Structure formats: structure tokens, C-alpha cells
């Protein structure tokens, strides 16, 4: 426990929130926290929690994956196509089934592409921008094009739409998913709203999973724009942290079809955080009409994606059960890191009134909300002491968090021991910046 944890914060044995402290108590607390911070800076720490990268240990869990094929392997897919040659442009049948099962959709609704789902998403936005969606006016010819962005959200999603000059509109997130009242209103009333970014299971960064009611409301949207599309990035479909509990997500493709909106959604997934981040396979699922539209340009981009890698994945995992068993090994490595962070946050910040954080059942992140106006200063303070975090504001379009409060914590890459050191430094910086903010308010 940090010495400053109890300084001036207890009243009759009960924790006293920082906001209840007098100016004199805050000054004394700042003095002690500053001394602790200077001591931490002197340790020469080098910690990285900037991105949700798999750790080296997680990558090594898949080393035998490289042995699934060798020079003596039969290099034919189940339909007889030689995977070393051209053919099966939209993926070998067994890979389409594996990725379809991963998303919970039929194989015929799937195209298996290269190693990156983000690349498919980029291409889909780019295609819509230059050539339109299923015969509609290309977005580049329209005066206004808008995307809805649940916030906080995934920075790379926002970077894609910003790259094409698409206006992004913040949609507040709730534990049940995006604010659907606002989504329904904007989609129905504004024809320039062409899409929405979604990470529906274990959302980045909060770890929320969209409720059944939220998914049904998505499927029942009545957009003013006929080329409106939901970009459903199901990145964490099998990334549960616990064997005894995990979130369930409704299948949006079937719900859209039932609601009379079969073409309204593109669903994306990959094995990037299952096998190798640089050598996985990625897929898109959608209606037959959407897939036919996508393939018009895909056939110009490539004569075929890496079917050898597709076959390697199928031979290694065999089926969805094989993937789930493999993910249990990931969970056993990941959960102690999440636990290390949450333990320190609970112990050091619980009851102080200077931060709130999520407790996800899966995914790769913990979302932390500091006092308003403190996130950038906390991230900068951490960096000065040797710990790199995702930049404050990155979880909002244009890098602008209106409250300057959200910080994304990525526990995956450091070791559990380094993760606890990082959490200790993080809460120290949160306390110090919060005290400085409260003193500013009192002086004002």
C-alpha cells in the first residue's frame, strides 16, 4: 500500500474521498505523492501498456501451429483445389465454415481474406467512398457523409473514417451498448449518415457486450439512406477471460434478415489475437447481395488470398471447439494481468472519488475514467516516469475527448509482475494529478 493512500483520507476509519479534503489536507497529500512519484521516476521503469498486443508468451502458445503443414502435407482443400495455386477466391470451404462458426453465421455468408480484419474494413469504406454501395452514389460525390461513432471506442476505426474526410458523430456508450435512442433518431432522420462503427462483444475499451435488446434494435433500424451499413467488428468473439462465465452476443445477420434488412450489416472477425497477429486469417460476413458487391472489386485486387494459411488454420484447429480450447490457454495467461490491475485500482482508488473503471468478462482492455480534465495530464505523468499508455483522447474521434477523462488500459503485453508495477505507477499518477486538479478548483 502506498503511504499516501491513508494520508488525510480517513475519517473514523472510513475512507474519505479526495473531494472532501480541506486545502491543507490536499497540500500535505500532494507533498507526499510528489515524493513517491520522484522515487518512482528514479527506478528507470520501461513499461508499455499502449496497445492491446498479445504477449510473447501468448504468441508462443501457437508455435505448434507452424507444424500443421509441412512439405509432406496434402495441399488440397476439401473441394479439391490446390491451395498453392489460384482458385477459391473467397476462401476454401473449410475455412469459410471455421470463420462462419466463429461469428455464428453460415459459411455461404463468408469471404475469407488476408491476415487483417482492419484491412477489410478499410477496403469496404474505401470502396463505398469511390464506387458506392450496391449501385448507390459514391460517397465522394456527396456533399456530406457521416458516421456514428460509439464512444469511447476503437481509435483505428476512427482513423479510417477520418482518413476519408467523413464526419464523425459521437454516440455515448452504456453497459448495454450505444445509446440506441440517439442512433435510431440520427439514422432515421439524416440521409447523410452512412454507417456506424461497432465492437459488439467486449467493446474496445470498456469491455461491454451489446445486450439482446440493443442488437435487435440495430437490426430493426429504418435508415433514411439506402446505403447505410453497420460495421460490426466482432473482434473478441471468443476472447472470454473466464471458463465459468462469458458474455453472449446475438447474431445480427439473422436478426437483420428477419427484420427485412438483410443487406444492412457487414460483420468482420480475424484470428489475429488467436494465433499470430501478423499471420492470422480475417473474414467478412454479410448478405449474398453485399458479398457479390464486395467481390466486384476484390476480383480486381487479388486473384486469391493466402489459402495455404487458411488450410493451416483449419488443420490446426479443426473446428470451433478447437479454437475455444486454444482460447482457454490465452485466458489463463490474460486473467492474472487483469486481476493485477483491478486489485490495485480497487485497493488504491476505491472510495476516493477520483476515478471509475470497468470490470470486463473478456476482451483486451480496461476503461478508466479519471476526473474531468485529468486524462492527458495522467498519461503524460506516466510517460515521464517510464510507462507508455494509449494517448488520452485516442478513444474518441479526432482524438478529442470532450471531458478529457477516458484512459484505455491494455494489460496484455507486460508480464503479470510488470503489470502490477504499471498499475502501481498508474494509480500514483492518478492520485497526484487529481490532487492538483482539486487544488486548482479550490484556488479558483
Protein backbone atom coordinates (compact mmCIF):
# COMPACT_ATOMS: atom_id res chain seq x y z
CA UNK A 1 0.00 0.00 0.00
CA UNK A 2 1.29 3.47 -0.85
CA UNK A 3 2.00 5.53 2.29
CA UNK A 4 -0.05 8.39 0.85
CA UNK A 5 -3.11 6.18 0.50
CA UNK A 6 -4.21 6.89 4.05
CA UNK A 7 -2.80 10.38 4.48
CA UNK A 8 -5.65 12.73 5.27
CA UNK A 9 -8.21 10.39 3.72
CA UNK A 10 -9.74 8.59 6.69
CA UNK A 11 -12.49 9.80 8.95
CA UNK A 12 -13.28 7.49 11.85
CA UNK A 13 -11.85 4.53 9.95
CA UNK A 14 -13.91 5.27 6.84
CA UNK A 15 -12.21 6.23 3.60
CA UNK A 16 -12.54 9.92 2.87
CA UNK A 17 -12.98 11.00 -0.75
CA UNK A 18 -10.40 13.43 -2.07
CA UNK A 19 -13.13 15.92 -2.85
CA UNK A 20 -13.95 16.13 0.86
CA UNK A 21 -10.42 17.08 1.90
CA UNK A 22 -9.52 20.57 3.00
CA UNK A 23 -6.96 22.63 1.11
CA UNK A 24 -4.39 21.94 3.86
CA UNK A 25 -5.00 18.18 3.66
CA UNK A 26 -4.67 18.27 -0.13
CA UNK A 27 -1.38 20.17 0.09
CA UNK A 28 0.02 17.64 2.56
CA UNK A 29 -1.15 14.80 0.32
CA UNK A 30 0.38 16.43 -2.75
CA UNK A 31 3.73 16.76 -0.98
CA UNK A 32 3.83 13.06 -0.10
CA UNK A 33 2.58 11.91 -3.52
CA UNK A 34 5.20 14.08 -5.22
CA UNK A 35 7.94 12.45 -3.16
CA UNK A 36 6.63 8.99 -4.10
CA UNK A 37 6.48 9.99 -7.75
CA UNK A 38 10.07 11.23 -7.77
CA UNK A 39 11.11 7.93 -6.20
CA UNK A 40 9.21 6.02 -8.94
CA UNK A 41 10.91 8.09 -11.65
CA UNK A 42 14.27 7.11 -10.22
CA UNK A 43 13.58 3.38 -10.76
CA UNK A 44 14.17 3.61 -14.51
CA UNK A 45 10.96 1.79 -15.41
CA UNK A 46 10.20 0.87 -19.02
CA UNK A 47 6.60 -0.33 -19.27
CA UNK A 48 4.31 -0.49 -22.30
CA UNK A 49 0.53 -0.56 -22.00
CA UNK A 50 -0.08 1.41 -25.18
CA UNK A 51 -1.76 -1.23 -27.34
CA UNK A 52 -3.65 -4.48 -26.97
CA UNK A 53 -0.82 -6.63 -28.29
CA UNK A 54 -0.58 -10.32 -27.44
CA UNK A 55 2.39 -11.04 -25.20
CA UNK A 56 5.34 -13.14 -26.32
CA UNK A 57 4.03 -15.97 -24.13
CA UNK A 58 0.70 -15.87 -25.96
CA UNK A 59 2.41 -15.97 -29.35
CA UNK A 60 4.42 -18.98 -28.23
CA UNK A 61 1.18 -20.81 -27.36
CA UNK A 62 0.70 -21.17 -31.12
CA UNK A 63 4.21 -22.31 -32.07
CA UNK A 64 2.99 -25.80 -32.96
CA UNK A 65 0.54 -24.10 -35.34
CA UNK A 66 3.52 -23.79 -37.70
CA UNK A 67 3.76 -27.58 -37.79
CA UNK A 68 0.17 -28.06 -39.01
CA UNK A 69 1.52 -28.09 -42.59
CA UNK A 70 4.87 -29.28 -43.90
CA UNK A 71 6.44 -30.37 -47.18
CA UNK A 72 4.72 -33.73 -46.92
CA UNK A 73 1.20 -32.37 -46.27
CA UNK A 74 -1.68 -32.82 -48.68
CA UNK A 75 -2.10 -29.29 -50.02
CA UNK A 76 -5.65 -29.60 -51.27
CA UNK A 77 -8.83 -28.13 -49.85
CA UNK A 78 -11.87 -30.32 -49.38
CA UNK A 79 -13.24 -29.18 -52.77
CA UNK A 80 -10.06 -30.41 -54.47
CA UNK A 81 -8.47 -27.01 -55.08
CA UNK A 82 -4.69 -26.96 -54.64
CA UNK A 83 -4.18 -24.22 -52.01
CA UNK A 84 -0.80 -23.33 -53.54
CA UNK A 85 -2.49 -22.25 -56.76
CA UNK A 86 -5.26 -19.92 -57.88
CA UNK A 87 -8.89 -20.71 -57.11
CA UNK A 88 -11.43 -20.33 -54.30
CA UNK A 89 -11.12 -16.54 -54.40
CA UNK A 90 -13.50 -16.10 -51.47
CA UNK A 91 -11.80 -18.75 -49.32
CA UNK A 92 -11.52 -22.54 -49.17
CA UNK A 93 -14.78 -24.16 -47.99
CA UNK A 94 -13.45 -25.45 -44.68
CA UNK A 95 -12.00 -22.01 -43.78
CA UNK A 96 -15.31 -20.34 -44.66
CA UNK A 97 -17.03 -22.75 -42.28
CA UNK A 98 -14.49 -22.23 -39.49
CA UNK A 99 -14.76 -18.44 -39.66
CA UNK A 100 -18.52 -18.63 -40.07
CA UNK A 101 -18.77 -20.75 -36.93
CA UNK A 102 -16.56 -18.23 -35.14
CA UNK A 103 -19.07 -15.49 -35.99
CA UNK A 104 -22.13 -17.73 -35.68
CA UNK A 105 -23.15 -17.37 -39.34
CA UNK A 106 -23.48 -19.82 -42.27
CA UNK A 107 -20.37 -20.47 -44.38
CA UNK A 108 -22.11 -19.22 -47.51
CA UNK A 109 -22.29 -15.75 -45.95
CA UNK A 110 -18.49 -15.55 -45.50
CA UNK A 111 -15.50 -14.39 -47.53
CA UNK A 112 -12.10 -15.29 -46.03
CA UNK A 113 -9.49 -12.67 -46.88
CA UNK A 114 -5.95 -11.89 -45.76
CA UNK A 115 -4.49 -11.55 -42.28
CA UNK A 116 -6.23 -8.33 -41.15
CA UNK A 117 -9.88 -7.53 -40.50
CA UNK A 118 -8.91 -3.85 -40.30
CA UNK A 119 -7.73 -4.08 -43.91
CA UNK A 120 -11.15 -5.44 -44.93
CA UNK A 121 -12.87 -2.59 -43.08
CA UNK A 122 -10.60 -0.02 -44.72
CA UNK A 123 -11.26 -1.51 -48.15
CA UNK A 124 -15.01 -1.53 -47.50
CA UNK A 125 -15.04 2.16 -46.57
CA UNK A 126 -12.74 2.98 -49.50
CA UNK A 127 -14.92 1.05 -51.95
CA UNK A 128 -18.05 2.80 -50.68
CA UNK A 129 -16.29 6.14 -50.99
CA UNK A 130 -15.07 5.69 -54.57
CA UNK A 131 -17.71 3.39 -56.11
CA UNK A 132 -20.75 3.47 -53.83
CA UNK A 133 -22.68 0.66 -52.18
CA UNK A 134 -24.68 -1.66 -54.44
CA UNK A 135 -25.20 0.97 -57.13
CA UNK A 136 -25.72 3.97 -54.85
CA UNK A 137 -23.94 7.29 -55.39
CA UNK A 138 -20.26 7.06 -54.39
CA UNK A 139 -19.73 8.84 -51.10
CA UNK A 140 -17.01 11.01 -52.65
CA UNK A 141 -19.67 12.69 -54.81
CA UNK A 142 -21.89 13.60 -51.87
CA UNK A 143 -21.74 16.94 -50.09
CA UNK A 144 -21.93 15.34 -46.63
CA UNK A 145 -21.06 11.84 -45.41
CA UNK A 146 -21.34 11.00 -41.70
CA UNK A 147 -20.50 8.02 -39.49
CA UNK A 148 -21.80 7.33 -36.00
CA UNK A 149 -19.05 6.50 -33.51
CA UNK A 150 -19.86 4.90 -30.12
CA UNK A 151 -17.51 6.48 -27.59
CA UNK A 152 -15.19 5.67 -26.07
CA UNK A 153 -14.28 3.40 -28.96
CA UNK A 154 -11.55 1.93 -31.17
CA UNK A 155 -9.08 4.56 -32.37
CA UNK A 156 -8.24 2.75 -35.62
CA UNK A 157 -11.90 2.73 -36.66
CA UNK A 158 -12.00 6.48 -36.23
CA UNK A 159 -8.70 6.90 -38.08
CA UNK A 160 -10.15 5.14 -41.14
CA UNK A 161 -13.20 7.38 -41.48
CA UNK A 162 -11.14 10.49 -40.69
CA UNK A 163 -8.71 9.49 -43.46
CA UNK A 164 -11.57 9.75 -45.98
CA UNK A 165 -12.83 13.05 -44.60
CA UNK A 166 -16.02 11.50 -43.23
CA UNK A 167 -17.67 13.49 -40.46
CA UNK A 168 -17.85 11.50 -37.22
CA UNK A 169 -20.58 11.89 -34.62
CA UNK A 170 -20.10 10.77 -31.02
CA UNK A 171 -22.65 8.27 -29.66
CA UNK A 172 -22.41 7.69 -25.89
CA UNK A 173 -21.85 4.10 -24.78
CA UNK A 174 -23.77 2.39 -21.98
CA UNK A 175 -23.21 -1.06 -20.43
CA UNK A 176 -25.92 -2.32 -22.85
CA UNK A 177 -24.24 -0.80 -25.91
CA UNK A 178 -24.59 2.50 -27.79
CA UNK A 179 -27.35 4.96 -26.92
CA UNK A 180 -29.94 3.44 -29.25
CA UNK A 181 -32.45 6.27 -28.90
CA UNK A 182 -29.86 8.59 -30.44
CA UNK A 183 -28.75 6.03 -33.04
CA UNK A 184 -32.34 5.42 -34.18
CA UNK A 185 -33.06 9.15 -34.39
CA UNK A 186 -29.96 10.08 -36.39
CA UNK A 187 -30.17 7.10 -38.75
CA UNK A 188 -33.85 7.69 -39.50
CA UNK A 189 -33.67 11.46 -39.92
CA UNK A 190 -30.36 12.10 -41.71
CA UNK A 191 -29.67 10.58 -45.13
CA UNK A 192 -26.03 11.63 -44.89
CA UNK A 193 -25.48 9.12 -42.05
CA UNK A 194 -23.96 6.20 -43.95
CA UNK A 195 -22.61 3.92 -41.24
CA UNK A 196 -21.77 3.16 -37.64
CA UNK A 197 -18.71 1.54 -36.11
CA UNK A 198 -19.43 -1.24 -33.60
CA UNK A 199 -17.32 -3.56 -31.45
CA UNK A 200 -20.32 -5.51 -30.13
CA UNK A 201 -18.64 -8.03 -27.83
CA UNK A 202 -16.18 -6.90 -25.15
CA UNK A 203 -16.08 -3.44 -26.71
CA UNK A 204 -12.82 -1.58 -27.06
CA UNK A 205 -12.04 -0.15 -24.49
CA UNK A 206 -14.87 -0.67 -21.98
CA UNK A 207 -15.37 -4.41 -22.41
CA UNK A 208 -19.16 -4.05 -22.73
CA UNK A 209 -21.22 -6.54 -24.75
CA UNK A 210 -24.29 -5.29 -26.58
CA UNK A 211 -27.48 -6.58 -24.97
CA UNK A 212 -30.00 -8.69 -26.89
CA UNK A 213 -32.37 -5.72 -26.99
CA UNK A 214 -29.65 -3.45 -28.39
CA UNK A 215 -28.79 -5.92 -31.18
CA UNK A 216 -32.48 -6.30 -32.07
CA UNK A 217 -32.87 -2.53 -32.23
CA UNK A 218 -29.86 -2.37 -34.56
CA UNK A 219 -31.43 -4.99 -36.81
CA UNK A 220 -34.72 -3.08 -36.88
CA UNK A 221 -33.22 0.29 -37.86
CA UNK A 222 -35.01 2.16 -40.62
CA UNK A 223 -32.28 4.29 -42.15
CA UNK A 224 -33.00 7.27 -44.37
CA UNK A 225 -30.00 6.26 -46.50
CA UNK A 226 -30.43 3.07 -48.52
CA UNK A 227 -26.63 2.64 -48.43
CA UNK A 228 -26.40 2.84 -44.63
CA UNK A 229 -24.31 -0.02 -43.23
CA UNK A 230 -23.47 -1.30 -39.75
CA UNK A 231 -19.73 -2.09 -39.48
CA UNK A 232 -19.91 -4.93 -36.93
CA UNK A 233 -16.32 -5.60 -35.83
CA UNK A 234 -16.67 -8.84 -33.85
CA UNK A 235 -13.00 -8.82 -32.88
CA UNK A 236 -13.42 -10.53 -29.48
CA UNK A 237 -15.99 -13.20 -30.34
CA UNK A 238 -14.13 -15.94 -28.41
CA UNK A 239 -11.99 -13.84 -26.09
CA UNK A 240 -13.55 -14.72 -22.74
CA UNK A 241 -11.41 -14.31 -19.62
CA UNK A 242 -13.18 -16.98 -17.54
CA UNK A 243 -14.20 -20.58 -18.11
CA UNK A 244 -17.26 -20.33 -15.91
CA UNK A 245 -18.73 -17.15 -17.37
CA UNK A 246 -18.71 -15.15 -20.56
CA UNK A 247 -20.94 -12.71 -22.38
CA UNK A 248 -23.33 -13.85 -25.12
CA UNK A 249 -23.94 -11.86 -28.29
CA UNK A 250 -26.96 -12.15 -30.57
CA UNK A 251 -26.40 -12.92 -34.27
CA UNK A 252 -27.07 -9.66 -36.06
CA UNK A 253 -27.05 -11.14 -39.58
CA UNK A 254 -30.05 -13.37 -38.95
CA UNK A 255 -31.85 -10.64 -36.99
CA UNK A 256 -31.36 -8.18 -39.85
CA UNK A 257 -32.78 -10.71 -42.29
CA UNK A 258 -35.79 -11.30 -40.04
CA UNK A 259 -36.36 -7.54 -39.75
CA UNK A 260 -36.35 -7.08 -43.53
CA UNK A 261 -32.84 -5.53 -43.55
CA UNK A 262 -30.68 -8.37 -44.92
CA UNK A 263 -28.12 -6.03 -46.52
CA UNK A 264 -27.65 -3.58 -43.62
CA UNK A 265 -24.61 -5.16 -41.91
CA UNK A 266 -21.02 -6.13 -42.61
CA UNK A 267 -19.54 -8.36 -39.90
CA UNK A 268 -15.78 -8.72 -39.50
CA UNK A 269 -13.51 -11.03 -37.49
CA UNK A 270 -10.00 -12.43 -37.51
CA UNK A 271 -7.66 -14.83 -35.72
CA UNK A 272 -5.12 -12.06 -35.07
CA UNK A 273 -5.33 -12.47 -31.30
CA UNK A 274 -5.89 -16.24 -31.53
CA UNK A 275 -2.83 -17.43 -33.47
CA UNK A 276 -0.41 -14.78 -34.75
CA UNK A 277 -1.23 -11.08 -35.01
CA UNK A 278 0.78 -10.79 -38.22
CA UNK A 279 -0.19 -14.12 -39.75
CA UNK A 280 -3.81 -14.85 -38.93
CA UNK A 281 -6.79 -15.02 -41.24
CA UNK A 282 -9.61 -12.48 -41.42
CA UNK A 283 -13.13 -12.68 -42.79
CA UNK A 284 -16.20 -10.64 -43.63
CA UNK A 285 -19.75 -11.94 -43.37
CA UNK A 286 -22.81 -10.38 -44.95
CA UNK A 287 -25.79 -10.97 -47.20
CA UNK A 288 -25.33 -12.63 -50.62
CA UNK A 289 -26.06 -9.29 -52.31
CA UNK A 290 -23.45 -7.45 -50.25
CA UNK A 291 -20.85 -10.17 -50.83
CA UNK A 292 -21.44 -10.06 -54.57
CA UNK A 293 -20.94 -6.30 -54.47
CA UNK A 294 -17.70 -6.64 -52.48
CA UNK A 295 -16.34 -9.27 -54.87
CA UNK A 296 -16.68 -6.93 -57.86
CA UNK A 297 -13.63 -5.04 -56.65
CA UNK A 298 -11.97 -7.89 -54.74
CA UNK A 299 -11.50 -9.77 -58.00
CA UNK A 300 -9.53 -6.76 -59.25
CA UNK A 301 -7.45 -6.54 -56.06
CA UNK A 302 -6.41 -10.19 -55.92
CA UNK A 303 -6.69 -13.49 -57.73
CA UNK A 304 -6.81 -15.17 -54.36
CA UNK A 305 -5.86 -14.69 -50.73
CA UNK A 306 -3.43 -16.92 -48.82
CA UNK A 307 -5.16 -20.30 -48.95
CA UNK A 308 -2.10 -22.07 -47.54
CA UNK A 309 -2.60 -20.10 -44.32
CA UNK A 310 -6.31 -20.81 -44.40
CA UNK A 311 -5.62 -24.54 -44.66
CA UNK A 312 -3.03 -24.30 -41.87
CA UNK A 313 -5.64 -22.79 -39.54
CA UNK A 314 -8.22 -25.43 -40.38
CA UNK A 315 -5.76 -28.31 -39.97
CA UNK A 316 -4.61 -26.88 -36.63
CA UNK A 317 -7.97 -26.05 -35.02
CA UNK A 318 -10.21 -28.48 -36.96
CA UNK A 319 -13.36 -26.75 -35.70
CA UNK A 320 -14.77 -24.11 -33.36
CA UNK A 321 -14.22 -26.37 -30.32
CA UNK A 322 -10.53 -26.41 -31.19
CA UNK A 323 -10.47 -22.62 -31.17
CA UNK A 324 -12.33 -22.44 -27.87
CA UNK A 325 -9.92 -24.89 -26.23
CA UNK A 326 -6.99 -22.84 -27.51
CA UNK A 327 -8.55 -19.64 -26.15
CA UNK A 328 -8.68 -21.17 -22.66
CA UNK A 329 -4.88 -21.08 -22.70
CA UNK A 330 -4.98 -17.40 -23.60
CA UNK A 331 -7.48 -16.70 -20.83
CA UNK A 332 -5.30 -18.46 -18.24
CA UNK A 333 -2.48 -16.08 -19.15
CA UNK A 334 -4.58 -12.94 -19.53
CA UNK A 335 -6.79 -13.02 -16.46
CA UNK A 336 -3.97 -12.69 -13.87
CA UNK A 337 -2.94 -9.45 -15.59
CA UNK A 338 -6.46 -8.05 -15.48
CA UNK A 339 -6.69 -9.18 -11.87
CA UNK A 340 -3.42 -7.42 -11.02
CA UNK A 341 -4.71 -4.14 -12.43
CA UNK A 342 -8.16 -4.38 -10.87
CA UNK A 343 -6.73 -5.36 -7.49
CA UNK A 344 -4.54 -2.24 -7.40
CA UNK A 345 -7.32 0.03 -8.69
CA UNK A 346 -9.75 -1.29 -6.06
CA UNK A 347 -7.24 -1.08 -3.22
CA UNK A 348 -5.72 2.27 -4.05
CA UNK A 349 -8.55 4.26 -5.63
CA UNK A 350 -11.71 2.68 -4.23
CA UNK A 351 -13.77 5.26 -2.36
CA UNK A 352 -11.57 8.22 -3.28
CA UNK A 353 -13.98 9.63 -5.86
CA UNK A 354 -11.26 10.32 -8.42
CA UNK A 355 -11.85 7.54 -10.92
CA UNK A 356 -14.14 4.80 -12.23
CA UNK A 357 -13.21 1.68 -14.17
CA UNK A 358 -14.80 -1.27 -15.95
CA UNK A 359 -14.56 -4.97 -14.98
CA UNK A 360 -14.92 -6.84 -18.30
CA UNK A 361 -15.55 -10.57 -18.73
CA UNK A 362 -13.36 -10.65 -21.82
CA UNK A 363 -11.54 -8.71 -24.49
CA UNK A 364 -8.25 -6.86 -24.17
CA UNK A 365 -8.88 -3.65 -22.25
CA UNK A 366 -9.98 -1.95 -19.06
CA UNK A 367 -11.51 1.50 -19.47
CA UNK A 368 -10.65 4.10 -16.81
CA UNK A 369 -12.46 7.41 -16.39
CA UNK A 370 -10.49 9.97 -14.40
CA UNK A 371 -11.78 13.27 -13.07
CA UNK A 372 -12.80 15.60 -15.88
CA UNK A 373 -9.81 17.43 -17.33
CA UNK A 374 -7.20 15.00 -16.00
CA UNK A 375 -6.61 12.24 -18.59
CA UNK A 376 -3.94 13.97 -20.70
CA UNK A 377 -2.02 15.02 -17.60
CA UNK A 378 -2.15 11.49 -16.14
CA UNK A 379 -0.90 9.90 -19.36
CA UNK A 380 1.91 12.47 -19.60
CA UNK A 381 2.88 11.88 -15.96
CA UNK A 382 3.03 8.12 -16.55
CA UNK A 383 5.20 8.59 -19.63
CA UNK A 384 7.60 10.83 -17.72
CA UNK A 385 8.09 8.01 -15.18
CA UNK A 386 8.67 5.31 -17.81
CA UNK A 387 5.23 3.94 -18.71
CA UNK A 388 3.60 4.36 -22.12
CA UNK A 389 -0.21 4.40 -22.33
CA UNK A 390 -2.51 4.92 -25.29
CA UNK A 391 -2.72 8.66 -25.84
CA UNK A 392 -5.51 10.40 -23.95
CA UNK A 393 -8.31 11.21 -26.37
CA UNK A 394 -7.47 8.33 -28.71
CA UNK A 395 -10.73 6.57 -27.84
CA UNK A 396 -12.71 9.46 -29.38
CA UNK A 397 -12.99 10.72 -32.98
CA UNK A 398 -10.33 13.26 -33.93
CA UNK A 399 -8.50 12.39 -30.69
CA UNK A 400 -10.75 14.79 -28.78
CA UNK A 401 -12.30 13.51 -25.56
CA UNK A 402 -14.79 16.27 -24.62
CA UNK A 403 -14.25 15.58 -20.91
CA UNK A 404 -10.54 14.69 -21.13
CA UNK A 405 -11.22 11.81 -18.76
CA UNK A 406 -11.01 8.44 -20.56
CA UNK A 407 -7.85 6.32 -20.46
CA UNK A 408 -7.53 2.89 -22.09
CA UNK A 409 -5.54 0.35 -20.07
CA UNK A 410 -4.10 -2.54 -22.10
CA UNK A 411 -2.85 -5.30 -19.74
CA UNK A 412 -1.98 -7.93 -22.36
CA UNK A 413 1.64 -7.28 -23.31
CA UNK A 414 3.54 -6.84 -19.98
CA UNK A 415 4.27 -9.78 -17.69
CA UNK A 416 1.97 -10.11 -14.63
CA UNK A 417 4.81 -8.77 -12.47
CA UNK A 418 5.37 -5.75 -14.71
CA UNK A 419 1.61 -5.27 -14.88
CA UNK A 420 1.43 -4.81 -11.11
CA UNK A 421 4.29 -2.29 -11.24
CA UNK A 422 2.50 -0.47 -14.04
CA UNK A 423 -0.76 -0.40 -12.07
CA UNK A 424 1.05 0.98 -9.00
CA UNK A 425 2.59 3.77 -11.07
CA UNK A 426 -0.72 4.48 -12.80
CA UNK A 427 -2.68 4.96 -9.56
CA UNK A 428 0.11 7.12 -8.16
CA UNK A 429 -0.17 9.41 -11.20
CA UNK A 430 -3.98 9.42 -10.96
CA UNK A 431 -3.78 10.50 -7.32
CA UNK A 432 -1.20 13.20 -7.93
CA UNK A 433 -2.97 14.77 -10.91
CA UNK A 434 -6.34 14.54 -9.15
CA UNK A 435 -4.99 16.34 -6.08
CA UNK A 436 -3.51 19.06 -8.29
CA UNK A 437 -6.87 19.43 -10.07
CA UNK A 438 -8.76 19.71 -6.79
CA UNK A 439 -6.30 22.33 -5.53
CA UNK A 440 -6.82 24.32 -8.74
CA UNK A 441 -10.56 24.19 -8.17
CA UNK A 442 -10.23 25.34 -4.58
CA UNK A 443 -7.87 28.16 -5.54
CA UNK A 444 -10.28 29.25 -8.27
